[in-house]
Amino acid sequence: MGKSKLALCSWGDVLVTLSADEEPVDPKKYLEERCKPNCVKPFYAYEKCVKRVEADDTGHKHCTGQYFDYLSCVDKCVASKLFEKLK
């Protein structure tokens, strides 16, 4: 049996350790969780919209714009951290 190799990858404050038989870990999910607190304002706007729309019986109202504003904020934060480490 051959020795398994160990790989260490650093993503800012994320350290990923892999052995040869493990799948790589995508740091994007970790970074998304770290970035969500930076996007509180769009998240609250989305929550406020959801509460307004809950009373709509017609089904025509939605919060798609507010949801995408929130996701866009998180994505911008993640991109700045993730892509600076890619080579």
C-alpha atoms as a PDB file:
ATOM      1  CA  MET A   1       0.000   0.000   0.000  1.00  0.00           C
ATOM      2  CA  GLY A   2       1.218   3.463  -0.906  1.00  0.00           C
ATOM      3  CA  LYS A   3       1.380   6.326   1.482  1.00  0.00           C
ATOM      4  CA  SER A   4      -1.467   8.785   1.273  1.00  0.00           C
ATOM      5  CA  LYS A   5      -0.472  12.346   0.597  1.00  0.00           C
ATOM      6  CA  LEU A   6      -1.711  15.233   2.658  1.00  0.00           C
ATOM      7  CA  ALA A   7      -2.593  18.559   1.094  1.00  0.00           C
ATOM      8  CA  LEU A   8      -3.094  21.842   2.914  1.00  0.00           C
ATOM      9  CA  CYS A   9      -4.868  24.693   1.191  1.00  0.00           C
ATOM     10  CA  SER A  10      -5.393  28.084   2.764  1.00  0.00           C
ATOM     11  CA  TRP A  11      -8.390  30.235   1.794  1.00  0.00           C
ATOM     12  CA  GLY A  12      -7.942  33.384   3.845  1.00  0.00           C
ATOM     13  CA  ASP A  13      -8.864  32.230   7.321  1.00  0.00           C
ATOM     14  CA  VAL A  14     -10.045  28.847   5.998  1.00  0.00           C
ATOM     15  CA  LEU A  15      -7.586  25.982   6.170  1.00  0.00           C
ATOM     16  CA  VAL A  16      -8.560  22.882   4.218  1.00  0.00           C
ATOM     17  CA  THR A  17      -6.745  19.643   4.974  1.00  0.00           C
ATOM     18  CA  LEU A  18      -7.102  16.735   2.571  1.00  0.00           C
ATOM     19  CA  SER A  19      -5.709  13.263   2.463  1.00  0.00           C
ATOM     20  CA  ALA A  20      -5.305  11.504  -0.869  1.00  0.00           C
ATOM     21  CA  ASP A  21      -8.579   9.601  -0.502  1.00  0.00           C
ATOM     22  CA  GLU A  22     -10.757  12.563   0.542  1.00  0.00           C
ATOM     23  CA  GLU A  23     -12.783  14.798  -1.710  1.00  0.00           C
ATOM     24  CA  PRO A  24     -11.766  18.452  -1.767  1.00  0.00           C
ATOM     25  CA  VAL A  25     -13.858  20.790   0.355  1.00  0.00           C
ATOM     26  CA  ASP A  26     -15.441  23.750  -1.394  1.00  0.00           C
ATOM     27  CA  PRO A  27     -14.644  26.832   0.707  1.00  0.00           C
ATOM     28  CA  LYS A  28     -17.501  28.782  -0.925  1.00  0.00           C
ATOM     29  CA  LYS A  29     -20.110  27.457   1.512  1.00  0.00           C
ATOM     30  CA  TYR A  30     -17.964  28.453   4.478  1.00  0.00           C
ATOM     31  CA  LEU A  31     -17.340  31.897   3.002  1.00  0.00           C
ATOM     32  CA  GLU A  32     -21.069  32.365   2.342  1.00  0.00           C
ATOM     33  CA  GLU A  33     -21.806  31.796   6.020  1.00  0.00           C
ATOM     34  CA  ARG A  34     -19.036  34.235   6.959  1.00  0.00           C
ATOM     35  CA  CYS A  35     -20.405  36.886   4.575  1.00  0.00           C
ATOM     36  CA  LYS A  36     -24.082  36.730   5.559  1.00  0.00           C
ATOM     37  CA  PRO A  37     -23.614  39.064   8.574  1.00  0.00           C
ATOM     38  CA  ASN A  38     -22.244  41.690   6.152  1.00  0.00           C
ATOM     39  CA  CYS A  39     -25.558  41.670   4.259  1.00  0.00           C
ATOM     40  CA  VAL A  40     -28.006  42.364   7.067  1.00  0.00           C
ATOM     41  CA  LYS A  41     -29.704  45.325   5.385  1.00  0.00           C
ATOM     42  CA  PRO A  42     -30.768  43.432   2.217  1.00  0.00           C
ATOM     43  CA  PHE A  43     -31.739  40.421   4.355  1.00  0.00           C
ATOM     44  CA  TYR A  44     -34.049  42.544   6.519  1.00  0.00           C
ATOM     45  CA  ALA A  45     -35.561  44.104   3.385  1.00  0.00           C
ATOM     46  CA  TYR A  46     -36.267  40.576   2.115  1.00  0.00           C
ATOM     47  CA  GLU A  47     -37.806  39.494   5.448  1.00  0.00           C
ATOM     48  CA  LYS A  48     -39.960  42.628   5.537  1.00  0.00           C
ATOM     49  CA  CYS A  49     -41.203  41.872   2.022  1.00  0.00           C
ATOM     50  CA  VAL A  50     -41.995  38.261   2.945  1.00  0.00           C
ATOM     51  CA  LYS A  51     -44.155  39.442   5.854  1.00  0.00           C
ATOM     52  CA  ARG A  52     -46.005  41.853   3.528  1.00  0.00           C
ATOM     53  CA  VAL A  53     -46.561  39.195   0.872  1.00  0.00           C
ATOM     54  CA  GLU A  54     -47.841  36.552   3.299  1.00  0.00           C
ATOM     55  CA  ALA A  55     -51.155  38.405   3.414  1.00  0.00           C
ATOM     56  CA  ASP A  56     -51.520  38.326  -0.400  1.00  0.00           C
ATOM     57  CA  ASP A  57     -54.215  35.846  -1.378  1.00  0.00           C
ATOM     58  CA  THR A  58     -53.848  36.445  -5.123  1.00  0.00           C
ATOM     59  CA  GLY A  59     -50.350  35.009  -5.385  1.00  0.00           C
ATOM     60  CA  HIS A  60     -49.221  37.856  -7.623  1.00  0.00           C
ATOM     61  CA  LYS A  61     -46.899  39.542  -5.140  1.00  0.00           C
ATOM     62  CA  HIS A  62     -43.405  38.208  -4.596  1.00  0.00           C
ATOM     63  CA  CYS A  63     -40.038  39.138  -3.109  1.00  0.00           C
ATOM     64  CA  THR A  64     -37.781  37.933  -5.894  1.00  0.00           C
ATOM     65  CA  GLY A  65     -36.030  41.291  -6.239  1.00  0.00           C
ATOM     66  CA  GLN A  66     -35.245  41.531  -2.525  1.00  0.00           C
ATOM     67  CA  TYR A  67     -34.072  37.916  -2.458  1.00  0.00           C
ATOM     68  CA  PHE A  68     -31.692  38.481  -5.368  1.00  0.00           C
ATOM     69  CA  ASP A  69     -30.417  41.702  -3.761  1.00  0.00           C
ATOM     70  CA  TYR A  70     -29.514  39.679  -0.670  1.00  0.00           C
ATOM     71  CA  LEU A  71     -27.869  36.890  -2.678  1.00  0.00           C
ATOM     72  CA  SER A  72     -25.967  39.435  -4.754  1.00  0.00           C
ATOM     73  CA  CYS A  73     -24.580  41.032  -1.592  1.00  0.00           C
ATOM     74  CA  VAL A  74     -23.401  37.662  -0.273  1.00  0.00           C
ATOM     75  CA  ASP A  75     -21.919  36.707  -3.668  1.00  0.00           C
ATOM     76  CA  LYS A  76     -19.951  39.968  -3.916  1.00  0.00           C
ATOM     77  CA  CYS A  77     -18.498  39.406  -0.472  1.00  0.00           C
ATOM     78  CA  VAL A  78     -17.605  35.775  -1.220  1.00  0.00           C
ATOM     79  CA  ALA A  79     -16.088  36.633  -4.607  1.00  0.00           C
ATOM     80  CA  SER A  80     -13.706  39.169  -3.125  1.00  0.00           C
ATOM     81  CA  LYS A  81     -12.385  36.578  -0.673  1.00  0.00           C
ATOM     82  CA  LEU A  82     -12.484  33.515  -2.907  1.00  0.00           C
ATOM     83  CA  PHE A  83     -10.996  34.834  -6.124  1.00  0.00           C
ATOM     84  CA  GLU A  84      -8.059  36.579  -4.465  1.00  0.00           C
ATOM     85  CA  LYS A  85      -6.780  33.121  -3.485  1.00  0.00           C
ATOM     86  CA  LEU A  86      -7.224  31.449  -6.888  1.00  0.00           C
ATOM     87  CA  LYS A  87      -4.219  31.242  -9.155  1.00  0.00           C
END
